[in-house]
Protein backbone atom coordinates (compact mmCIF):
# COMPACT_ATOMS: atom_id res chain seq x y z
CA UNK A 1 0.00 0.00 0.00
CA UNK A 2 2.85 2.37 0.91
CA UNK A 3 4.50 1.82 -2.50
CA UNK A 4 1.23 2.51 -4.29
CA UNK A 5 0.81 5.87 -2.52
CA UNK A 6 4.46 6.70 -3.12
CA UNK A 7 3.98 6.04 -6.86
CA UNK A 8 0.86 8.26 -6.94
CA UNK A 9 2.61 11.08 -5.05
CA UNK A 10 5.67 10.81 -7.33
CA UNK A 11 3.44 10.97 -10.43
CA UNK A 12 1.61 14.04 -9.06
CA UNK A 13 4.92 15.73 -8.20
CA UNK A 14 6.33 15.11 -11.69
CA UNK A 15 3.13 16.43 -13.31
CA UNK A 16 3.23 19.58 -11.17
CA UNK A 17 6.91 20.13 -11.98
CA UNK A 18 6.32 19.86 -15.72
CA UNK A 19 3.40 22.30 -15.57
CA UNK A 20 5.28 24.88 -13.55
CA UNK A 21 8.32 24.76 -15.85
CA UNK A 22 6.76 26.86 -18.63
CA UNK A 23 9.49 29.54 -18.40
CA UNK A 24 11.99 30.60 -20.99
CA UNK A 25 11.08 28.59 -24.10
CA UNK A 26 7.40 29.56 -24.06
CA UNK A 27 7.76 33.11 -22.79
CA UNK A 28 5.89 32.35 -19.54
CA UNK A 29 6.28 34.97 -16.83
CA UNK A 30 4.70 35.50 -13.40
CA UNK A 31 1.63 37.46 -14.61
CA UNK A 32 1.47 36.84 -18.35
CA UNK A 33 2.68 34.76 -21.25
CA UNK A 34 4.40 36.25 -24.28
CA UNK A 35 4.46 35.34 -27.94
CA UNK A 36 6.49 36.81 -30.79
CA UNK A 37 5.69 36.91 -34.49
CA UNK A 38 7.38 38.58 -37.42
CA UNK A 39 5.52 40.41 -40.15
CA UNK A 40 8.05 39.06 -42.66
CA UNK A 41 8.23 35.35 -43.45
CA UNK A 42 11.02 35.80 -46.01
CA UNK A 43 13.58 38.59 -46.05
CA UNK A 44 15.57 39.35 -49.23
CA UNK A 45 18.76 41.17 -48.31
CA UNK A 46 20.88 42.95 -50.93
CA UNK A 47 24.61 43.27 -50.16
CA UNK A 48 25.64 45.76 -52.88
CA UNK A 49 24.45 48.86 -54.70
CA UNK A 50 26.30 49.21 -57.97
CA UNK A 51 27.98 52.58 -58.55
CA UNK A 52 29.36 54.16 -61.71
CA UNK A 53 33.05 54.61 -60.88
CA UNK A 54 33.37 57.84 -62.88
CA UNK A 55 30.24 59.69 -61.68
CA UNK A 56 29.59 57.93 -58.34
CA UNK A 57 25.93 57.71 -59.39
CA UNK A 58 23.86 54.55 -58.92
CA UNK A 59 24.28 52.20 -61.86
CA UNK A 60 22.14 49.39 -63.28
CA UNK A 61 25.12 47.69 -64.92
CA UNK A 62 28.15 46.22 -63.21
CA UNK A 63 31.06 48.65 -63.14
CA UNK A 64 33.22 46.92 -60.56
CA UNK A 65 32.31 49.47 -57.89
CA UNK A 66 29.62 49.16 -55.25
CA UNK A 67 28.48 50.58 -51.93
CA UNK A 68 27.01 48.64 -49.04
CA UNK A 69 23.28 49.28 -48.50
CA UNK A 70 21.73 49.96 -45.10
CA UNK A 71 20.94 47.13 -42.68
CA UNK A 72 17.76 45.10 -43.18
CA UNK A 73 15.35 44.90 -40.26
CA UNK A 74 12.05 43.14 -39.62
CA UNK A 75 9.27 44.14 -37.26
CA UNK A 76 8.67 41.63 -34.48
CA UNK A 77 5.34 41.90 -32.68
CA UNK A 78 5.45 40.85 -29.03
CA UNK A 79 2.03 40.00 -27.57
CA UNK A 80 1.39 39.83 -23.82
CA UNK A 81 -1.52 37.67 -22.66
CA UNK A 82 -2.49 38.06 -19.00
CA UNK A 83 -3.05 34.91 -17.00
CA UNK A 84 -6.56 34.35 -15.66
CA UNK A 85 -7.21 33.88 -11.97
CA UNK A 86 -8.98 30.86 -10.52
CA UNK A 87 -12.22 32.90 -10.62
CA UNK A 88 -11.83 33.35 -14.40
CA UNK A 89 -10.89 37.04 -14.45
CA UNK A 90 -7.73 38.26 -16.16
CA UNK A 91 -4.90 39.39 -13.92
CA UNK A 92 -3.16 42.70 -14.53
CA UNK A 93 0.16 41.88 -16.19
CA UNK A 94 3.32 43.50 -14.93
CA UNK A 95 5.31 45.55 -17.47
CA UNK A 96 7.87 43.54 -19.42
CA UNK A 97 11.29 44.92 -20.36
CA UNK A 98 12.37 43.59 -23.78
CA UNK A 99 16.11 43.70 -23.18
CA UNK A 100 17.82 42.26 -26.24
CA UNK A 101 17.64 40.02 -29.29
CA UNK A 102 19.84 37.13 -30.33
CA UNK A 103 19.72 36.43 -34.08
CA UNK A 104 20.87 32.93 -35.04
CA UNK A 105 21.55 31.92 -38.66
CA UNK A 106 21.29 28.27 -39.72
CA UNK A 107 22.44 27.61 -43.31
CA UNK A 108 19.56 26.15 -45.36
CA UNK A 109 21.93 24.55 -47.89
CA UNK A 110 25.57 23.53 -48.30
CA UNK A 111 26.40 26.64 -50.38
CA UNK A 112 25.61 29.09 -47.58
CA UNK A 113 28.52 29.67 -45.16
CA UNK A 114 28.13 29.78 -41.39
CA UNK A 115 27.33 33.19 -39.92
CA UNK A 116 28.14 34.08 -36.34
CA UNK A 117 25.23 34.76 -34.01
CA UNK A 118 24.26 38.44 -34.02
CA UNK A 119 23.14 40.44 -30.95
CA UNK A 120 21.12 43.61 -30.56
CA UNK A 121 20.25 45.67 -27.47
CA UNK A 122 16.57 46.70 -27.56
CA UNK A 123 15.33 48.24 -24.28
CA UNK A 124 11.60 48.42 -25.12
CA UNK A 125 8.87 48.13 -22.49
CA UNK A 126 5.56 46.30 -22.98
CA UNK A 127 2.78 47.17 -20.53
CA UNK A 128 0.16 44.64 -21.64
CA UNK A 129 -1.24 44.23 -25.16
CA UNK A 130 1.36 44.19 -27.91
CA UNK A 131 4.29 46.17 -29.24
CA UNK A 132 6.11 46.09 -32.59
CA UNK A 133 9.90 46.17 -32.36
CA UNK A 134 12.30 46.58 -35.30
CA UNK A 135 15.07 43.97 -35.12
CA UNK A 136 18.14 44.35 -37.33
CA UNK A 137 18.58 40.93 -38.96
CA UNK A 138 21.25 41.61 -41.59
CA UNK A 139 23.58 44.36 -40.40
CA UNK A 140 25.59 46.59 -42.71
CA UNK A 141 28.75 45.04 -41.24
CA UNK A 142 27.55 41.54 -42.17
CA UNK A 143 26.75 42.74 -45.71
CA UNK A 144 30.25 44.18 -45.96
CA UNK A 145 31.75 40.79 -45.04
CA UNK A 146 29.59 38.90 -47.56
CA UNK A 147 29.67 41.41 -50.46
CA UNK A 148 33.05 40.34 -51.98
CA UNK A 149 31.77 36.76 -52.42
CA UNK A 150 28.34 37.80 -53.74
CA UNK A 151 28.92 40.96 -55.80
CA UNK A 152 27.97 40.60 -59.48
CA UNK A 153 27.13 36.91 -59.47
CA UNK A 154 24.01 34.80 -59.17
CA UNK A 155 24.88 33.18 -55.82
CA UNK A 156 22.18 33.39 -53.16
CA UNK A 157 22.94 32.48 -49.55
CA UNK A 158 19.92 30.94 -47.83
CA UNK A 159 19.34 30.84 -44.04
CA UNK A 160 16.75 29.84 -41.49
CA UNK A 161 16.89 32.58 -38.87
CA UNK A 162 15.68 32.51 -35.29
CA UNK A 163 15.13 35.78 -33.43
CA UNK A 164 15.14 35.17 -29.68
CA UNK A 165 13.98 38.09 -27.53
CA UNK A 166 15.25 38.15 -23.95
CA UNK A 167 12.74 39.73 -21.55
CA UNK A 168 12.46 40.55 -17.85
CA UNK A 169 9.20 41.09 -15.99
CA UNK A 170 9.48 44.34 -14.01
CA UNK A 171 8.41 43.92 -10.40
CA UNK A 172 8.70 40.12 -10.44
CA UNK A 173 12.28 39.83 -11.68
CA UNK A 174 11.41 36.78 -13.75
CA UNK A 175 13.21 36.39 -17.08
CA UNK A 176 12.18 34.50 -20.20
CA UNK A 177 13.02 34.10 -23.87
CA UNK A 178 10.44 34.22 -26.64
CA UNK A 179 11.32 33.39 -30.27
CA UNK A 180 10.13 33.78 -33.83
CA UNK A 181 11.56 32.50 -37.13
CA UNK A 182 11.94 33.59 -40.73
CA UNK A 183 13.91 32.72 -43.86
CA UNK A 184 16.62 35.07 -45.16
CA UNK A 185 18.12 35.21 -48.66
CA UNK A 186 21.34 37.21 -48.99
CA UNK A 187 22.71 38.09 -52.43
CA UNK A 188 23.64 40.89 -54.83
CA UNK A 189 20.31 41.70 -56.41
CA UNK A 190 20.42 43.43 -59.79
CA UNK A 191 19.95 47.17 -59.28
C-alpha cells in the first residue's frame, strides 16, 4: 500500500513540476505569457548597390564598384496575454522589459557559409497588449563581409533565422526568452 501511494505522489509531483516549468522557451512569466511573431516570413537582403566609378551615381550595370546598403530589419510583434485567476478574471500583467535580441543563422543549404550569431540591445517596455519592435537581422557590417563573395554573381545564400527576444518582468524579476523564425536570402540583387 505504501509503494502505491508513493507512486501516486511521485506521479503528481512530476506532473506539477512539468506544468510549472513553462518559463523561458514559451515566454511564460509570473503574470502573463508572451508570444512573438514577425511580419516578414522571407527577407531578401541585398549586399551591394552598384555605382558608376566615374560619376559615383547609382548604376544598373556592373562597373566593378559598389556601396554597401543599409541594414535590413524586420518588425517583431510581441504579444502579452495576461493569466486568468482561478475565478476566471484576467490578472493585470506587470510591465515587461524587452532587453535584447539574439539572431541565429542556420544555413539552409551547403552553399551558404556559417554566420556568427548576431546580438542587438533593444530596451523596449511592454505594458500589456502588444508592441512592434524593429530587429536588425542583416547588419551593414555583415553585408560588408559577404559582399566580396556575392557581388555581381548569381549566388544566393539561404538561411533559417531565429530571433530570440530576452525579456524581464518588471516587479517580479522573472526572465524569459520568446522566439520567432523567418527565412533570409542574402545576395547581390540586380539594381
